[in-house]
PDB file of N, CA and C in Angstrom:
ATOM      1  N   MET A   1       0.265   8.082  23.993  1.00  0.00           N
ATOM      2  CA  MET A   1       1.309   7.326  23.337  1.00  0.00           C
ATOM      3  C   MET A   1       1.330   5.876  23.827  1.00  0.00           C
ATOM      4  N   ASN A   2       1.022   5.685  25.117  1.00  0.00           N
ATOM      5  CA  ASN A   2       1.007   4.333  25.671  1.00  0.00           C
ATOM      6  C   ASN A   2      -0.098   3.489  25.053  1.00  0.00           C
ATOM      7  N   LYS A   3      -1.222   4.124  24.704  1.00  0.00           N
ATOM      8  CA  LYS A   3      -2.317   3.385  24.079  1.00  0.00           C
ATOM      9  C   LYS A   3      -1.896   2.852  22.715  1.00  0.00           C
ATOM     10  N   ILE A   4      -1.198   3.680  21.969  1.00  0.00           N
ATOM     11  CA  ILE A   4      -0.743   3.266  20.640  1.00  0.00           C
ATOM     12  C   ILE A   4       0.279   2.141  20.766  1.00  0.00           C
ATOM     13  N   LYS A   5       1.213   2.287  21.711  1.00  0.00           N
ATOM     14  CA  LYS A   5       2.235   1.259  21.921  1.00  0.00           C
ATOM     15  C   LYS A   5       1.580  -0.056  22.347  1.00  0.00           C
ATOM     16  N   GLY A   6       0.621   0.021  23.250  1.00  0.00           N
ATOM     17  CA  GLY A   6      -0.090  -1.174  23.695  1.00  0.00           C
ATOM     18  C   GLY A   6      -0.854  -1.833  22.566  1.00  0.00           C
ATOM     19  N   TYR A   7      -1.499  -1.009  21.751  1.00  0.00           N
ATOM     20  CA  TYR A   7      -2.248  -1.537  20.610  1.00  0.00           C
ATOM     21  C   TYR A   7      -1.322  -2.252  19.635  1.00  0.00           C
ATOM     22  N   LEU A   8      -0.197  -1.616  19.317  1.00  0.00           N
ATOM     23  CA  LEU A   8       0.746  -2.216  18.374  1.00  0.00           C
ATOM     24  C   LEU A   8       1.347  -3.503  18.929  1.00  0.00           C
ATOM     25  N   GLN A   9       1.655  -3.516  20.216  1.00  0.00           N
ATOM     26  CA  GLN A   9       2.223  -4.710  20.832  1.00  0.00           C
ATOM     27  C   GLN A   9       1.210  -5.847  20.829  1.00  0.00           C
ATOM     28  N   THR A  10      -0.019  -5.559  21.196  1.00  0.00           N
ATOM     29  CA  THR A  10      -1.067  -6.573  21.203  1.00  0.00           C
ATOM     30  C   THR A  10      -1.338  -7.086  19.793  1.00  0.00           C
ATOM     31  N   SER A  11      -1.367  -6.180  18.840  1.00  0.00           N
ATOM     32  CA  SER A  11      -1.595  -6.580  17.454  1.00  0.00           C
ATOM     33  C   SER A  11      -0.481  -7.493  16.965  1.00  0.00           C
ATOM     34  N   TYR A  12       0.759  -7.141  17.281  1.00  0.00           N
ATOM     35  CA  TYR A  12       1.892  -7.962  16.865  1.00  0.00           C
ATOM     36  C   TYR A  12       1.818  -9.348  17.496  1.00  0.00           C
ATOM     37  N   GLU A  13       1.519  -9.421  18.782  1.00  0.00           N
ATOM     38  CA  GLU A  13       1.424 -10.716  19.462  1.00  0.00           C
ATOM     39  C   GLU A  13       0.351 -11.588  18.829  1.00  0.00           C
ATOM     40  N   GLU A  14      -0.792 -11.001  18.553  1.00  0.00           N
ATOM     41  CA  GLU A  14      -1.863 -11.773  17.932  1.00  0.00           C
ATOM     42  C   GLU A  14      -1.471 -12.206  16.526  1.00  0.00           C
ATOM     43  N   PHE A  15      -0.862 -11.310  15.797  1.00  0.00           N
ATOM     44  CA  PHE A  15      -0.453 -11.582  14.421  1.00  0.00           C
ATOM     45  C   PHE A  15       0.606 -12.680  14.364  1.00  0.00           C
ATOM     46  N   ALA A  16       1.571 -12.634  15.261  1.00  0.00           N
ATOM     47  CA  ALA A  16       2.709 -13.547  15.203  1.00  0.00           C
ATOM     48  C   ALA A  16       2.467 -14.865  15.934  1.00  0.00           C
ATOM     49  N   GLN A  17       1.682 -14.840  17.015  1.00  0.00           N
ATOM     50  CA  GLN A  17       1.604 -16.026  17.857  1.00  0.00           C
ATOM     51  C   GLN A  17       0.237 -16.693  17.862  1.00  0.00           C
ATOM     52  N   LYS A  18      -0.819 -15.941  17.799  1.00  0.00           N
ATOM     53  CA  LYS A  18      -2.150 -16.518  17.957  1.00  0.00           C
ATOM     54  C   LYS A  18      -2.817 -16.859  16.631  1.00  0.00           C
ATOM     55  N   ALA A  19      -2.399 -16.200  15.567  1.00  0.00           N
ATOM     56  CA  ALA A  19      -3.014 -16.449  14.263  1.00  0.00           C
ATOM     57  C   ALA A  19      -2.496 -17.768  13.701  1.00  0.00           C
ATOM     58  N   THR A  20      -3.367 -18.487  13.033  1.00  0.00           N
ATOM     59  CA  THR A  20      -2.938 -19.709  12.350  1.00  0.00           C
ATOM     60  C   THR A  20      -2.830 -19.409  10.864  1.00  0.00           C
ATOM     61  N   TRP A  21      -1.707 -19.756  10.297  1.00  0.00           N
ATOM     62  CA  TRP A  21      -1.430 -19.452   8.904  1.00  0.00           C
ATOM     63  C   TRP A  21      -1.564 -20.721   8.077  1.00  0.00           C
ATOM     64  N   PRO A  22      -2.062 -20.604   6.855  1.00  0.00           N
ATOM     65  CA  PRO A  22      -2.201 -21.794   6.007  1.00  0.00           C
ATOM     66  C   PRO A  22      -0.831 -22.331   5.595  1.00  0.00           C
ATOM     67  N   THR A  23      -0.807 -23.624   5.329  1.00  0.00           N
ATOM     68  CA  THR A  23       0.435 -24.238   4.861  1.00  0.00           C
ATOM     69  C   THR A  23       0.631 -23.925   3.379  1.00  0.00           C
ATOM     70  N   MET A  24       1.830 -24.189   2.887  1.00  0.00           N
ATOM     71  CA  MET A  24       2.121 -23.946   1.478  1.00  0.00           C
ATOM     72  C   MET A  24       1.211 -24.799   0.597  1.00  0.00           C
ATOM     73  N   SER A  25       0.942 -26.018   1.024  1.00  0.00           N
ATOM     74  CA  SER A  25       0.059 -26.905   0.267  1.00  0.00           C
ATOM     75  C   SER A  25      -1.352 -26.320   0.178  1.00  0.00           C
ATOM     76  N   ASP A  26      -1.849 -25.796   1.289  1.00  0.00           N
ATOM     77  CA  ASP A  26      -3.177 -25.171   1.285  1.00  0.00           C
ATOM     78  C   ASP A  26      -3.212 -23.963   0.359  1.00  0.00           C
ATOM     79  N   LEU A  27      -2.152 -23.169   0.381  1.00  0.00           N
ATOM     80  CA  LEU A  27      -2.089 -21.988  -0.486  1.00  0.00           C
ATOM     81  C   LEU A  27      -2.075 -22.380  -1.958  1.00  0.00           C
ATOM     82  N   GLN A  28      -1.334 -23.434  -2.284  1.00  0.00           N
ATOM     83  CA  GLN A  28      -1.270 -23.884  -3.672  1.00  0.00           C
ATOM     84  C   GLN A  28      -2.630 -24.397  -4.139  1.00  0.00           C
ATOM     85  N   LYS A  29      -3.311 -25.145  -3.290  1.00  0.00           N
ATOM     86  CA  LYS A  29      -4.639 -25.651  -3.645  1.00  0.00           C
ATOM     87  C   LYS A  29      -5.617 -24.497  -3.857  1.00  0.00           C
ATOM     88  N   SER A  30      -5.554 -23.512  -2.975  1.00  0.00           N
ATOM     89  CA  SER A  30      -6.444 -22.360  -3.109  1.00  0.00           C
ATOM     90  C   SER A  30      -6.137 -21.574  -4.378  1.00  0.00           C
ATOM     91  N   THR A  31      -4.861 -21.440  -4.700  1.00  0.00           N
ATOM     92  CA  THR A  31      -4.466 -20.715  -5.904  1.00  0.00           C
ATOM     93  C   THR A  31      -4.979 -21.416  -7.149  1.00  0.00           C
ATOM     94  N   VAL A  32      -4.836 -22.734  -7.201  1.00  0.00           N
ATOM     95  CA  VAL A  32      -5.331 -23.498  -8.349  1.00  0.00           C
ATOM     96  C   VAL A  32      -6.839 -23.328  -8.472  1.00  0.00           C
ATOM     97  N   LEU A  33      -7.537 -23.392  -7.363  1.00  0.00           N
ATOM     98  CA  LEU A  33      -8.991 -23.228  -7.375  1.00  0.00           C
ATOM     99  C   LEU A  33      -9.391 -21.853  -7.903  1.00  0.00           C
ATOM    100  N   VAL A  34      -8.705 -20.810  -7.470  1.00  0.00           N
ATOM    101  CA  VAL A  34      -9.015 -19.448  -7.917  1.00  0.00           C
ATOM    102  C   VAL A  34      -8.726 -19.295  -9.408  1.00  0.00           C
ATOM    103  N   VAL A  35      -7.623 -19.859  -9.885  1.00  0.00           N
ATOM    104  CA  VAL A  35      -7.283 -19.767 -11.310  1.00  0.00           C
ATOM    105  C   VAL A  35      -8.331 -20.481 -12.153  1.00  0.00           C
ATOM    106  N   ILE A  36      -8.732 -21.671 -11.743  1.00  0.00           N
ATOM    107  CA  ILE A  36      -9.746 -22.424 -12.494  1.00  0.00           C
ATOM    108  C   ILE A  36     -11.079 -21.682 -12.490  1.00  0.00           C
ATOM    109  N   ALA A  37     -11.489 -21.174 -11.339  1.00  0.00           N
ATOM    110  CA  ALA A  37     -12.747 -20.426 -11.258  1.00  0.00           C
ATOM    111  C   ALA A  37     -12.693 -19.172 -12.119  1.00  0.00           C
ATOM    112  N   SER A  38     -11.551 -18.500 -12.154  1.00  0.00           N
ATOM    113  CA  SER A  38     -11.403 -17.293 -12.979  1.00  0.00           C
ATOM    114  C   SER A  38     -11.506 -17.622 -14.460  1.00  0.00           C
ATOM    115  N   ILE A  39     -10.899 -18.722 -14.872  1.00  0.00           N
ATOM    116  CA  ILE A  39     -10.973 -19.130 -16.281  1.00  0.00           C
ATOM    117  C   ILE A  39     -12.406 -19.478 -16.660  1.00  0.00           C
ATOM    118  N   ILE A  40     -13.091 -20.219 -15.804  1.00  0.00           N
ATOM    119  CA  ILE A  40     -14.490 -20.576 -16.083  1.00  0.00           C
ATOM    120  C   ILE A  40     -15.349 -19.322 -16.175  1.00  0.00           C
ATOM    121  N   PHE A  41     -15.166 -18.394 -15.253  1.00  0.00           N
ATOM    122  CA  PHE A  41     -15.936 -17.153 -15.271  1.00  0.00           C
ATOM    123  C   PHE A  41     -15.651 -16.357 -16.535  1.00  0.00           C
ATOM    124  N   ALA A  42     -14.381 -16.282 -16.934  1.00  0.00           N
ATOM    125  CA  ALA A  42     -14.013 -15.552 -18.152  1.00  0.00           C
ATOM    126  C   ALA A  42     -14.654 -16.193 -19.377  1.00  0.00           C
ATOM    127  N   LEU A  43     -14.682 -17.513 -19.427  1.00  0.00           N
ATOM    128  CA  LEU A  43     -15.314 -18.200 -20.557  1.00  0.00           C
ATOM    129  C   LEU A  43     -16.820 -17.953 -20.587  1.00  0.00           C
ATOM    130  N   LEU A  44     -17.453 -17.921 -19.428  1.00  0.00           N
ATOM    131  CA  LEU A  44     -18.884 -17.628 -19.371  1.00  0.00           C
ATOM    132  C   LEU A  44     -19.177 -16.210 -19.858  1.00  0.00           C
ATOM    133  N   VAL A  45     -18.387 -15.255 -19.416  1.00  0.00           N
ATOM    134  CA  VAL A  45     -18.576 -13.870 -19.858  1.00  0.00           C
ATOM    135  C   VAL A  45     -18.338 -13.763 -21.357  1.00  0.00           C
ATOM    136  N   PHE A  46     -17.304 -14.439 -21.860  1.00  0.00           N
ATOM    137  CA  PHE A  46     -17.026 -14.432 -23.294  1.00  0.00           C
ATOM    138  C   PHE A  46     -18.203 -15.022 -24.075  1.00  0.00           C
ATOM    139  N   GLY A  47     -18.738 -16.142 -23.594  1.00  0.00           N
ATOM    140  CA  GLY A  47     -19.879 -16.772 -24.260  1.00  0.00           C
ATOM    141  C   GLY A  47     -21.102 -15.875 -24.278  1.00  0.00           C
ATOM    142  N   MET A  48     -21.390 -15.225 -23.169  1.00  0.00           N
ATOM    143  CA  MET A  48     -22.534 -14.312 -23.125  1.00  0.00           C
ATOM    144  C   MET A  48     -22.316 -13.126 -24.048  1.00  0.00           C
ATOM    145  N   ASP A  49     -21.094 -12.616 -24.092  1.00  0.00           N
ATOM    146  CA  ASP A  49     -20.775 -11.489 -24.963  1.00  0.00           C
ATOM    147  C   ASP A  49     -20.973 -11.871 -26.428  1.00  0.00           C
ATOM    148  N   GLU A  50     -20.492 -13.043 -26.799  1.00  0.00           N
ATOM    149  CA  GLU A  50     -20.650 -13.499 -28.183  1.00  0.00           C
ATOM    150  C   GLU A  50     -22.127 -13.717 -28.524  1.00  0.00           C
ATOM    151  N   ALA A  51     -22.895 -14.283 -27.595  1.00  0.00           N
ATOM    152  CA  ALA A  51     -24.317 -14.516 -27.840  1.00  0.00           C
ATOM    153  C   ALA A  51     -25.062 -13.195 -28.008  1.00  0.00           C
ATOM    154  N   ILE A  52     -24.802 -12.244 -27.150  1.00  0.00           N
ATOM    155  CA  ILE A  52     -25.466 -10.939 -27.254  1.00  0.00           C
ATOM    156  C   ILE A  52     -25.062 -10.246 -28.544  1.00  0.00           C
ATOM    157  N   GLN A  53     -23.787 -10.347 -28.897  1.00  0.00           N
ATOM    158  CA  GLN A  53     -23.323  -9.734 -30.144  1.00  0.00           C
ATOM    159  C   GLN A  53     -24.017 -10.375 -31.346  1.00  0.00           C
ATOM    160  N   GLY A  54     -24.197 -11.681 -31.319  1.00  0.00           N
ATOM    161  CA  GLY A  54     -24.893 -12.367 -32.405  1.00  0.00           C
ATOM    162  C   GLY A  54     -26.345 -11.940 -32.506  1.00  0.00           C
ATOM    163  N   VAL A  55     -27.020 -11.832 -31.379  1.00  0.00           N
ATOM    164  CA  VAL A  55     -28.422 -11.403 -31.375  1.00  0.00           C
ATOM    165  C   VAL A  55     -28.539  -9.980 -31.899  1.00  0.00           C
ATOM    166  N   LEU A  56     -27.667  -9.092 -31.446  1.00  0.00           N
ATOM    167  CA  LEU A  56     -27.724  -7.704 -31.912  1.00  0.00           C
ATOM    168  C   LEU A  56     -27.418  -7.601 -33.402  1.00  0.00           C
ATOM    169  N   SER A  57     -26.477  -8.386 -33.891  1.00  0.00           N
ATOM    170  CA  SER A  57     -26.178  -8.379 -35.327  1.00  0.00           C
ATOM    171  C   SER A  57     -27.383  -8.866 -36.123  1.00  0.00           C
ATOM    172  N   PHE A  58     -28.072  -9.882 -35.615  1.00  0.00           N
ATOM    173  CA  PHE A  58     -29.262 -10.391 -36.285  1.00  0.00           C
ATOM    174  C   PHE A  58     -30.355  -9.327 -36.323  1.00  0.00           C
ATOM    175  N   VAL A  59     -30.570  -8.652 -35.196  1.00  0.00           N
ATOM    176  CA  VAL A  59     -31.603  -7.616 -35.125  1.00  0.00           C
ATOM    177  C   VAL A  59     -31.254  -6.460 -36.054  1.00  0.00           C
ATOM    178  N   ARG A  60     -29.992  -6.063 -36.095  1.00  0.00           N
ATOM    179  CA  ARG A  60     -29.584  -4.985 -37.001  1.00  0.00           C
ATOM    180  C   ARG A  60     -29.772  -5.393 -38.455  1.00  0.00           C
ATOM    181  N   GLY A  61     -29.583  -6.653 -38.751  1.00  0.00           N
ATOM    182  CA  GLY A  61     -29.752  -7.142 -40.118  1.00  0.00           C
ATOM    183  C   GLY A  61     -31.200  -7.105 -40.574  1.00  0.00           C
ATOM    184  N   LEU A  62     -32.130  -7.064 -39.647  1.00  0.00           N
ATOM    185  CA  LEU A  62     -33.543  -7.014 -40.014  1.00  0.00           C
ATOM    186  C   LEU A  62     -33.939  -5.642 -40.544  1.00  0.00           C
ATOM    187  N   PHE A  63     -33.182  -4.615 -40.210  1.00  0.00           N
ATOM    188  CA  PHE A  63     -33.563  -3.257 -40.608  1.00  0.00           C
ATOM    189  C   PHE A  63     -32.732  -2.780 -41.725  1.00  0.00           C
TER     190      PHE A  63
END
């Protein structure tokens, strides 16, 4: 039981005192970056999907 208590106490101390947390400004910048990257990725996937669909429709039209 003492090992668990020691582990939890050490974990809490590291979590609360030794860890450095990002500022609100850093979090907002990171969030904007993730949203923009997600939109770009979604547009790329959409473009590839449309291109493949067009190619398959063309190939089906040949037969």
